[in-house]
All heavy atoms as atom14 arrays in JSON, in Angstrom:
{
  "sequence": "MKDILGENGRQAEICQSSLEVEAANSRDATEIAKQKFCQMERL",
  "atom14_mask": [
    [1, 1, 1, 1, 1, 1, 1, 1, 0, 0, 0, 0, 0, 0],
    [1, 1, 1, 1, 1, 1, 1, 1, 1, 0, 0, 0, 0, 0],
    [1, 1, 1, 1, 1, 1, 1, 1, 0, 0, 0, 0, 0, 0],
    [1, 1, 1, 1, 1, 1, 1, 1, 0, 0, 0, 0, 0, 0],
    [1, 1, 1, 1, 1, 1, 1, 1, 0, 0, 0, 0, 0, 0],
    [1, 1, 1, 1, 0, 0, 0, 0, 0, 0, 0, 0, 0, 0],
    [1, 1, 1, 1, 1, 1, 1, 1, 1, 0, 0, 0, 0, 0],
    [1, 1, 1, 1, 1, 1, 1, 1, 0, 0, 0, 0, 0, 0],
    [1, 1, 1, 1, 0, 0, 0, 0, 0, 0, 0, 0, 0, 0],
    [1, 1, 1, 1, 1, 1, 1, 1, 1, 1, 1, 0, 0, 0],
    [1, 1, 1, 1, 1, 1, 1, 1, 1, 0, 0, 0, 0, 0],
    [1, 1, 1, 1, 1, 0, 0, 0, 0, 0, 0, 0, 0, 0],
    [1, 1, 1, 1, 1, 1, 1, 1, 1, 0, 0, 0, 0, 0],
    [1, 1, 1, 1, 1, 1, 1, 1, 0, 0, 0, 0, 0, 0],
    [1, 1, 1, 1, 1, 1, 0, 0, 0, 0, 0, 0, 0, 0],
    [1, 1, 1, 1, 1, 1, 1, 1, 1, 0, 0, 0, 0, 0],
    [1, 1, 1, 1, 1, 1, 0, 0, 0, 0, 0, 0, 0, 0],
    [1, 1, 1, 1, 1, 1, 0, 0, 0, 0, 0, 0, 0, 0],
    [1, 1, 1, 1, 1, 1, 1, 1, 0, 0, 0, 0, 0, 0],
    [1, 1, 1, 1, 1, 1, 1, 1, 1, 0, 0, 0, 0, 0],
    [1, 1, 1, 1, 1, 1, 1, 0, 0, 0, 0, 0, 0, 0],
    [1, 1, 1, 1, 1, 1, 1, 1, 1, 0, 0, 0, 0, 0],
    [1, 1, 1, 1, 1, 0, 0, 0, 0, 0, 0, 0, 0, 0],
    [1, 1, 1, 1, 1, 0, 0, 0, 0, 0, 0, 0, 0, 0],
    [1, 1, 1, 1, 1, 1, 1, 1, 0, 0, 0, 0, 0, 0],
    [1, 1, 1, 1, 1, 1, 0, 0, 0, 0, 0, 0, 0, 0],
    [1, 1, 1, 1, 1, 1, 1, 1, 1, 1, 1, 0, 0, 0],
    [1, 1, 1, 1, 1, 1, 1, 1, 0, 0, 0, 0, 0, 0],
    [1, 1, 1, 1, 1, 0, 0, 0, 0, 0, 0, 0, 0, 0],
    [1, 1, 1, 1, 1, 1, 1, 0, 0, 0, 0, 0, 0, 0],
    [1, 1, 1, 1, 1, 1, 1, 1, 1, 0, 0, 0, 0, 0],
    [1, 1, 1, 1, 1, 1, 1, 1, 0, 0, 0, 0, 0, 0],
    [1, 1, 1, 1, 1, 0, 0, 0, 0, 0, 0, 0, 0, 0],
    [1, 1, 1, 1, 1, 1, 1, 1, 1, 0, 0, 0, 0, 0],
    [1, 1, 1, 1, 1, 1, 1, 1, 1, 0, 0, 0, 0, 0],
    [1, 1, 1, 1, 1, 1, 1, 1, 1, 0, 0, 0, 0, 0],
    [1, 1, 1, 1, 1, 1, 1, 1, 1, 1, 1, 0, 0, 0],
    [1, 1, 1, 1, 1, 1, 0, 0, 0, 0, 0, 0, 0, 0],
    [1, 1, 1, 1, 1, 1, 1, 1, 1, 0, 0, 0, 0, 0],
    [1, 1, 1, 1, 1, 1, 1, 1, 0, 0, 0, 0, 0, 0],
    [1, 1, 1, 1, 1, 1, 1, 1, 1, 0, 0, 0, 0, 0],
    [1, 1, 1, 1, 1, 1, 1, 1, 1, 1, 1, 0, 0, 0],
    [1, 1, 1, 1, 1, 1, 1, 1, 0, 0, 0, 0, 0, 0]
  ],
  "atom14_positions": [
    [[2.07, -52.91, 26.48], [1.93, -52.95, 27.94], [0.46, -52.89, 28.36], [-0.36, -52.25, 27.71], [2.69, -51.77, 28.55], [4.13, -51.65, 28.1], [5.14, -53.12, 28.37], [5.22, -53.12, 30.15], [0.0, 0.0, 0.0], [0.0, 0.0, 0.0], [0.0, 0.0, 0.0], [0.0, 0.0, 0.0], [0.0, 0.0, 0.0], [0.0, 0.0, 0.0]],
    [[0.18, -53.56, 29.48], [-1.19, -53.6, 30.02], [-1.12, -53.43, 31.53], [-0.26, -53.99, 32.19], [-1.86, -54.93, 29.68], [-3.27, -55.04, 30.22], [-4.18, -55.59, 29.18], [-5.6, -55.67, 29.66], [-6.4, -54.62, 29.11], [0.0, 0.0, 0.0], [0.0, 0.0, 0.0], [0.0, 0.0, 0.0], [0.0, 0.0, 0.0], [0.0, 0.0, 0.0]],
    [[-2.04, -52.66, 32.07], [-2.18, -52.52, 33.53], [-3.14, -53.59, 34.01], [-4.21, -53.78, 33.43], [-2.74, -51.15, 33.89], [-1.74, -50.04, 33.59], [-0.53, -50.28, 33.71], [-2.19, -48.94, 33.24], [0.0, 0.0, 0.0], [0.0, 0.0, 0.0], [0.0, 0.0, 0.0], [0.0, 0.0, 0.0], [0.0, 0.0, 0.0], [0.0, 0.0, 0.0]],
    [[-2.74, -54.29, 35.06], [-3.6, -55.31, 35.66], [-3.65, -55.07, 37.16], [-2.82, -54.38, 37.73], [-3.11, -56.74, 35.37], [-1.73, -56.97, 35.99], [-3.11, -57.03, 33.89], [-1.37, -58.43, 36.09], [0.0, 0.0, 0.0], [0.0, 0.0, 0.0], [0.0, 0.0, 0.0], [0.0, 0.0, 0.0], [0.0, 0.0, 0.0], [0.0, 0.0, 0.0]],
    [[-4.62, -55.69, 37.79], [-4.75, -55.64, 39.24], [-4.15, -56.93, 39.77], [-4.62, -58.03, 39.44], [-6.22, -55.52, 39.63], [-6.52, -54.99, 41.02], [-5.86, -53.63, 41.23], [-8.0, -54.88, 41.24], [0.0, 0.0, 0.0], [0.0, 0.0, 0.0], [0.0, 0.0, 0.0], [0.0, 0.0, 0.0], [0.0, 0.0, 0.0], [0.0, 0.0, 0.0]],
    [[-3.1, -56.82, 40.58], [-2.42, -57.99, 41.11], [-3.19, -58.65, 42.24], [-4.22, -58.14, 42.71], [0.0, 0.0, 0.0], [0.0, 0.0, 0.0], [0.0, 0.0, 0.0], [0.0, 0.0, 0.0], [0.0, 0.0, 0.0], [0.0, 0.0, 0.0], [0.0, 0.0, 0.0], [0.0, 0.0, 0.0], [0.0, 0.0, 0.0], [0.0, 0.0, 0.0]],
    [[-2.67, -59.79, 42.69], [-3.31, -60.54, 43.77], [-3.42, -59.74, 45.06], [-4.32, -59.93, 45.85], [-2.52, -61.83, 44.04], [-2.6, -62.83, 42.91], [-1.77, -64.07, 43.19], [-1.29, -64.25, 44.33], [-1.6, -64.86, 42.25], [0.0, 0.0, 0.0], [0.0, 0.0, 0.0], [0.0, 0.0, 0.0], [0.0, 0.0, 0.0], [0.0, 0.0, 0.0]],
    [[-2.45, -58.82, 45.25], [-2.44, -58.01, 46.46], [-3.32, -56.76, 46.34], [-3.33, -55.92, 47.23], [-1.01, -57.6, 46.8], [-0.34, -56.82, 45.69], [-0.95, -56.52, 44.67], [0.91, -56.48, 45.9], [0.0, 0.0, 0.0], [0.0, 0.0, 0.0], [0.0, 0.0, 0.0], [0.0, 0.0, 0.0], [0.0, 0.0, 0.0], [0.0, 0.0, 0.0]],
    [[-4.03, -56.65, 45.22], [-4.91, -55.5, 45.02], [-4.22, -54.28, 44.47], [-4.85, -53.24, 44.32], [0.0, 0.0, 0.0], [0.0, 0.0, 0.0], [0.0, 0.0, 0.0], [0.0, 0.0, 0.0], [0.0, 0.0, 0.0], [0.0, 0.0, 0.0], [0.0, 0.0, 0.0], [0.0, 0.0, 0.0], [0.0, 0.0, 0.0], [0.0, 0.0, 0.0]],
    [[-2.95, -54.39, 44.16], [-2.21, -53.26, 43.62], [-2.09, -53.38, 42.1], [-2.02, -54.47, 41.56], [-0.81, -53.21, 44.22], [-0.83, -52.89, 45.68], [0.52, -52.64, 46.19], [0.45, -52.36, 47.62], [1.44, -51.9, 48.31], [2.61, -51.7, 47.74], [1.3, -51.67, 49.6], [0.0, 0.0, 0.0], [0.0, 0.0, 0.0], [0.0, 0.0, 0.0]],
    [[-2.05, -52.23, 41.48], [-1.91, -52.19, 40.03], [-0.49, -52.58, 39.64], [0.48, -52.16, 40.27], [-2.23, -50.79, 39.52], [-2.28, -50.69, 38.02], [-2.78, -49.35, 37.56], [-3.56, -48.69, 38.26], [-2.34, -48.91, 36.41], [0.0, 0.0, 0.0], [0.0, 0.0, 0.0], [0.0, 0.0, 0.0], [0.0, 0.0, 0.0], [0.0, 0.0, 0.0]],
    [[-0.38, -53.38, 38.58], [0.92, -53.79, 38.06], [0.9, -53.63, 36.55], [-0.14, -53.72, 35.91], [1.21, -55.22, 38.44], [0.0, 0.0, 0.0], [0.0, 0.0, 0.0], [0.0, 0.0, 0.0], [0.0, 0.0, 0.0], [0.0, 0.0, 0.0], [0.0, 0.0, 0.0], [0.0, 0.0, 0.0], [0.0, 0.0, 0.0], [0.0, 0.0, 0.0]],
    [[2.07, -53.39, 35.99], [2.2, -53.25, 34.54], [2.86, -54.52, 34.0], [3.9, -54.93, 34.51], [3.06, -52.03, 34.22], [3.25, -51.78, 32.75], [4.11, -50.56, 32.5], [5.25, -50.5, 33.0], [3.64, -49.68, 31.78], [0.0, 0.0, 0.0], [0.0, 0.0, 0.0], [0.0, 0.0, 0.0], [0.0, 0.0, 0.0], [0.0, 0.0, 0.0]],
    [[2.25, -55.13, 32.99], [2.83, -56.32, 32.39], [3.01, -56.1, 30.88], [2.3, -55.3, 30.28], [1.98, -57.59, 32.62], [0.59, -57.44, 31.99], [1.87, -57.93, 34.1], [-0.16, -58.73, 31.87], [0.0, 0.0, 0.0], [0.0, 0.0, 0.0], [0.0, 0.0, 0.0], [0.0, 0.0, 0.0], [0.0, 0.0, 0.0], [0.0, 0.0, 0.0]],
    [[3.96, -56.83, 30.33], [4.21, -56.77, 28.89], [3.42, -57.89, 28.23], [3.65, -59.07, 28.51], [5.71, -56.91, 28.62], [6.13, -56.84, 26.88], [0.0, 0.0, 0.0], [0.0, 0.0, 0.0], [0.0, 0.0, 0.0], [0.0, 0.0, 0.0], [0.0, 0.0, 0.0], [0.0, 0.0, 0.0], [0.0, 0.0, 0.0], [0.0, 0.0, 0.0]],
    [[2.48, -57.52, 27.37], [1.67, -58.51, 26.65], [2.47, -59.15, 25.52], [2.27, -60.31, 25.2], [0.43, -57.85, 26.07], [-0.55, -57.36, 27.1], [-1.25, -58.49, 27.82], [-0.7, -59.11, 28.71], [-2.46, -58.77, 27.4], [0.0, 0.0, 0.0], [0.0, 0.0, 0.0], [0.0, 0.0, 0.0], [0.0, 0.0, 0.0], [0.0, 0.0, 0.0]],
    [[3.33, -58.37, 24.89], [4.13, -58.86, 23.77], [5.25, -57.87, 23.5], [5.14, -56.69, 23.81], [3.26, -59.0, 22.53], [3.98, -59.56, 21.46], [0.0, 0.0, 0.0], [0.0, 0.0, 0.0], [0.0, 0.0, 0.0], [0.0, 0.0, 0.0], [0.0, 0.0, 0.0], [0.0, 0.0, 0.0], [0.0, 0.0, 0.0], [0.0, 0.0, 0.0]],
    [[6.33, -58.38, 22.92], [7.46, -57.56, 22.55], [7.88, -57.93, 21.14], [8.03, -59.12, 20.83], [8.61, -57.79, 23.54], [9.73, -57.04, 23.18], [0.0, 0.0, 0.0], [0.0, 0.0, 0.0], [0.0, 0.0, 0.0], [0.0, 0.0, 0.0], [0.0, 0.0, 0.0], [0.0, 0.0, 0.0], [0.0, 0.0, 0.0], [0.0, 0.0, 0.0]],
    [[8.04, -56.93, 20.28], [8.42, -57.17, 18.89], [9.63, -56.32, 18.53], [9.76, -55.18, 18.99], [7.28, -56.8, 17.95], [5.97, -57.57, 18.1], [4.88, -56.92, 17.28], [6.17, -59.0, 17.66], [0.0, 0.0, 0.0], [0.0, 0.0, 0.0], [0.0, 0.0, 0.0], [0.0, 0.0, 0.0], [0.0, 0.0, 0.0], [0.0, 0.0, 0.0]],
    [[10.48, -56.86, 17.7], [11.6, -56.1, 17.16], [11.3, -55.81, 15.7], [11.0, -56.73, 14.93], [12.9, -56.89, 17.28], [14.12, -56.1, 16.93], [15.41, -56.83, 17.26], [15.41, -57.63, 18.21], [16.39, -56.59, 16.54], [0.0, 0.0, 0.0], [0.0, 0.0, 0.0], [0.0, 0.0, 0.0], [0.0, 0.0, 0.0], [0.0, 0.0, 0.0]],
    [[11.35, -54.53, 15.32], [11.01, -54.14, 13.95], [12.05, -53.16, 13.41], [12.72, -52.47, 14.17], [9.61, -53.51, 13.85], [8.53, -54.47, 14.26], [9.51, -52.24, 14.67], [0.0, 0.0, 0.0], [0.0, 0.0, 0.0], [0.0, 0.0, 0.0], [0.0, 0.0, 0.0], [0.0, 0.0, 0.0], [0.0, 0.0, 0.0], [0.0, 0.0, 0.0]],
    [[12.17, -53.12, 12.09], [13.0, -52.13, 11.42], [12.08, -51.07, 10.84], [11.06, -51.39, 10.23], [13.8, -52.77, 10.29], [14.95, -53.61, 10.76], [15.82, -54.07, 9.6], [15.85, -53.4, 8.55], [16.45, -55.11, 9.77], [0.0, 0.0, 0.0], [0.0, 0.0, 0.0], [0.0, 0.0, 0.0], [0.0, 0.0, 0.0], [0.0, 0.0, 0.0]],
    [[12.46, -49.81, 11.04], [11.64, -48.71, 10.55], [12.48, -47.45, 10.42], [13.56, -47.35, 11.0], [10.46, -48.46, 11.48], [0.0, 0.0, 0.0], [0.0, 0.0, 0.0], [0.0, 0.0, 0.0], [0.0, 0.0, 0.0], [0.0, 0.0, 0.0], [0.0, 0.0, 0.0], [0.0, 0.0, 0.0], [0.0, 0.0, 0.0], [0.0, 0.0, 0.0]],
    [[11.96, -46.5, 9.67], [12.65, -45.23, 9.46], [12.66, -44.38, 10.73], [13.6, -43.61, 10.97], [12.01, -44.46, 8.32], [0.0, 0.0, 0.0], [0.0, 0.0, 0.0], [0.0, 0.0, 0.0], [0.0, 0.0, 0.0], [0.0, 0.0, 0.0], [0.0, 0.0, 0.0], [0.0, 0.0, 0.0], [0.0, 0.0, 0.0], [0.0, 0.0, 0.0]],
    [[11.6, -44.51, 11.56], [11.52, -43.72, 12.79], [10.61, -44.43, 13.79], [9.99, -45.46, 13.46], [11.0, -42.3, 12.48], [9.69, -42.31, 11.73], [8.73, -42.95, 12.15], [9.65, -41.63, 10.59], [0.0, 0.0, 0.0], [0.0, 0.0, 0.0], [0.0, 0.0, 0.0], [0.0, 0.0, 0.0], [0.0, 0.0, 0.0], [0.0, 0.0, 0.0]],
    [[10.5, -43.9, 14.98], [9.73, -44.56, 16.03], [8.23, -44.59, 15.71], [7.54, -45.55, 16.08], [9.96, -43.89, 17.39], [9.53, -42.55, 17.37], [0.0, 0.0, 0.0], [0.0, 0.0, 0.0], [0.0, 0.0, 0.0], [0.0, 0.0, 0.0], [0.0, 0.0, 0.0], [0.0, 0.0, 0.0], [0.0, 0.0, 0.0], [0.0, 0.0, 0.0]],
    [[7.73, -43.58, 15.02], [6.31, -43.57, 14.66], [6.0, -44.72, 13.69], [5.02, -45.43, 13.86], [5.93, -42.23, 14.02], [4.44, -42.14, 13.7], [4.06, -40.83, 13.05], [4.38, -39.72, 13.95], [4.76, -38.52, 13.53], [4.85, -38.25, 12.25], [5.01, -37.57, 14.4], [0.0, 0.0, 0.0], [0.0, 0.0, 0.0], [0.0, 0.0, 0.0]],
    [[6.86, -44.9, 12.69], [6.67, -46.0, 11.75], [6.83, -47.35, 12.45], [6.09, -48.29, 12.17], [7.67, -45.91, 10.59], [7.38, -44.77, 9.64], [6.28, -44.16, 9.73], [8.25, -44.47, 8.8], [0.0, 0.0, 0.0], [0.0, 0.0, 0.0], [0.0, 0.0, 0.0], [0.0, 0.0, 0.0], [0.0, 0.0, 0.0], [0.0, 0.0, 0.0]],
    [[7.78, -47.44, 13.37], [7.99, -48.67, 14.12], [6.74, -49.04, 14.91], [6.34, -50.2, 14.96], [9.18, -48.53, 15.06], [0.0, 0.0, 0.0], [0.0, 0.0, 0.0], [0.0, 0.0, 0.0], [0.0, 0.0, 0.0], [0.0, 0.0, 0.0], [0.0, 0.0, 0.0], [0.0, 0.0, 0.0], [0.0, 0.0, 0.0], [0.0, 0.0, 0.0]],
    [[6.11, -48.05, 15.51], [4.89, -48.28, 16.28], [3.78, -48.83, 15.39], [3.12, -49.81, 15.75], [4.42, -46.97, 16.95], [5.46, -46.5, 17.81], [3.15, -47.17, 17.73], [0.0, 0.0, 0.0], [0.0, 0.0, 0.0], [0.0, 0.0, 0.0], [0.0, 0.0, 0.0], [0.0, 0.0, 0.0], [0.0, 0.0, 0.0], [0.0, 0.0, 0.0]],
    [[3.59, -48.23, 14.22], [2.53, -48.67, 13.33], [2.79, -50.07, 12.78], [1.87, -50.89, 12.69], [2.34, -47.67, 12.19], [1.8, -46.33, 12.65], [0.54, -46.45, 13.49], [-0.39, -47.17, 13.08], [0.47, -45.81, 14.56], [0.0, 0.0, 0.0], [0.0, 0.0, 0.0], [0.0, 0.0, 0.0], [0.0, 0.0, 0.0], [0.0, 0.0, 0.0]],
    [[4.04, -50.37, 12.42], [4.39, -51.71, 11.94], [4.13, -52.74, 13.02], [3.55, -53.8, 12.78], [5.87, -51.74, 11.49], [6.05, -50.9, 10.22], [6.33, -53.18, 11.25], [7.51, -50.61, 9.88], [0.0, 0.0, 0.0], [0.0, 0.0, 0.0], [0.0, 0.0, 0.0], [0.0, 0.0, 0.0], [0.0, 0.0, 0.0], [0.0, 0.0, 0.0]],
    [[4.56, -52.42, 14.25], [4.39, -53.36, 15.36], [2.91, -53.57, 15.69], [2.5, -54.69, 16.0], [5.14, -52.86, 16.59], [0.0, 0.0, 0.0], [0.0, 0.0, 0.0], [0.0, 0.0, 0.0], [0.0, 0.0, 0.0], [0.0, 0.0, 0.0], [0.0, 0.0, 0.0], [0.0, 0.0, 0.0], [0.0, 0.0, 0.0], [0.0, 0.0, 0.0]],
    [[2.11, -52.51, 15.62], [0.67, -52.66, 15.88], [0.04, -53.62, 14.88], [-0.77, -54.48, 15.26], [-0.03, -51.3, 15.8], [0.21, -50.41, 17.0], [-0.46, -49.07, 16.8], [-0.25, -48.14, 17.96], [-0.88, -46.82, 17.74], [0.0, 0.0, 0.0], [0.0, 0.0, 0.0], [0.0, 0.0, 0.0], [0.0, 0.0, 0.0], [0.0, 0.0, 0.0]],
    [[0.42, -53.5, 13.61], [-0.11, -54.41, 12.59], [0.31, -55.85, 12.87], [-0.51, -56.77, 12.79], [0.36, -53.98, 11.21], [-0.26, -52.69, 10.74], [0.35, -52.2, 9.43], [1.19, -52.84, 8.82], [-0.09, -51.03, 8.99], [0.0, 0.0, 0.0], [0.0, 0.0, 0.0], [0.0, 0.0, 0.0], [0.0, 0.0, 0.0], [0.0, 0.0, 0.0]],
    [[1.59, -56.05, 13.2], [2.08, -57.4, 13.48], [1.42, -57.99, 14.73], [1.08, -59.17, 14.77], [3.6, -57.4, 13.66], [4.34, -57.2, 12.37], [5.84, -57.29, 12.58], [6.58, -57.16, 11.27], [8.02, -57.39, 11.44], [0.0, 0.0, 0.0], [0.0, 0.0, 0.0], [0.0, 0.0, 0.0], [0.0, 0.0, 0.0], [0.0, 0.0, 0.0]],
    [[1.25, -57.16, 15.76], [0.61, -57.6, 17.0], [-0.82, -58.06, 16.72], [-1.25, -59.11, 17.19], [0.63, -56.46, 18.02], [0.02, -56.8, 19.35], [0.66, -57.65, 20.23], [-1.19, -56.24, 19.74], [0.1, -57.96, 21.46], [-1.75, -56.53, 20.96], [-1.1, -57.39, 21.83], [0.0, 0.0, 0.0], [0.0, 0.0, 0.0], [0.0, 0.0, 0.0]],
    [[-1.55, -57.29, 15.92], [-2.93, -57.66, 15.57], [-2.97, -58.97, 14.8], [-3.84, -59.81, 15.05], [-3.59, -56.55, 14.77], [-4.06, -55.12, 15.75], [0.0, 0.0, 0.0], [0.0, 0.0, 0.0], [0.0, 0.0, 0.0], [0.0, 0.0, 0.0], [0.0, 0.0, 0.0], [0.0, 0.0, 0.0], [0.0, 0.0, 0.0], [0.0, 0.0, 0.0]],
    [[-2.03, -59.17, 13.89], [-1.97, -60.43, 13.15], [-1.67, -61.6, 14.08], [-2.32, -62.64, 13.99], [-0.9, -60.36, 12.05], [-1.27, -59.45, 10.91], [-0.13, -59.23, 9.94], [1.02, -59.59, 10.2], [-0.44, -58.62, 8.81], [0.0, 0.0, 0.0], [0.0, 0.0, 0.0], [0.0, 0.0, 0.0], [0.0, 0.0, 0.0], [0.0, 0.0, 0.0]],
    [[-0.7, -61.42, 14.97], [-0.32, -62.49, 15.89], [-1.46, -62.88, 16.83], [-1.68, -64.05, 17.12], [0.89, -62.06, 16.76], [2.18, -62.01, 16.03], [3.58, -61.36, 16.99], [3.04, -61.34, 18.66], [0.0, 0.0, 0.0], [0.0, 0.0, 0.0], [0.0, 0.0, 0.0], [0.0, 0.0, 0.0], [0.0, 0.0, 0.0], [0.0, 0.0, 0.0]],
    [[-2.18, -61.87, 17.32], [-3.23, -62.1, 18.3], [-4.61, -62.25, 17.67], [-5.61, -62.42, 18.38], [-3.26, -60.94, 19.32], [-1.99, -60.79, 20.12], [-1.74, -61.95, 21.05], [-2.72, -62.55, 21.56], [-0.55, -62.29, 21.26], [0.0, 0.0, 0.0], [0.0, 0.0, 0.0], [0.0, 0.0, 0.0], [0.0, 0.0, 0.0], [0.0, 0.0, 0.0]],
    [[-4.66, -62.16, 16.35], [-5.92, -62.23, 15.6], [-6.94, -61.21, 16.12], [-8.06, -61.54, 16.5], [-6.48, -63.64, 15.65], [-5.59, -64.63, 14.96], [-6.19, -65.99, 14.92], [-5.31, -66.87, 14.15], [-5.11, -68.12, 14.44], [-5.74, -68.69, 15.45], [-4.29, -68.85, 13.71], [0.0, 0.0, 0.0], [0.0, 0.0, 0.0], [0.0, 0.0, 0.0]],
    [[-6.48, -59.96, 16.11], [-7.3, -58.84, 16.6], [-7.52, -57.84, 15.48], [-6.71, -57.73, 14.56], [-6.57, -58.11, 17.73], [-6.26, -58.89, 18.99], [-5.34, -58.07, 19.88], [-7.54, -59.23, 19.72], [0.0, 0.0, 0.0], [0.0, 0.0, 0.0], [0.0, 0.0, 0.0], [0.0, 0.0, 0.0], [0.0, 0.0, 0.0], [0.0, 0.0, 0.0]]
  ]
}
């Protein structure tokens, strides 16, 4: 998720990307997704 400033001058939250991952727990899911996101976006 990213906060942006909309055309009306108000802050809005947008989803930059959404990934589905398999993991043992939410912490592992977060780390796996971060790695995949970086690969996809070349970051």
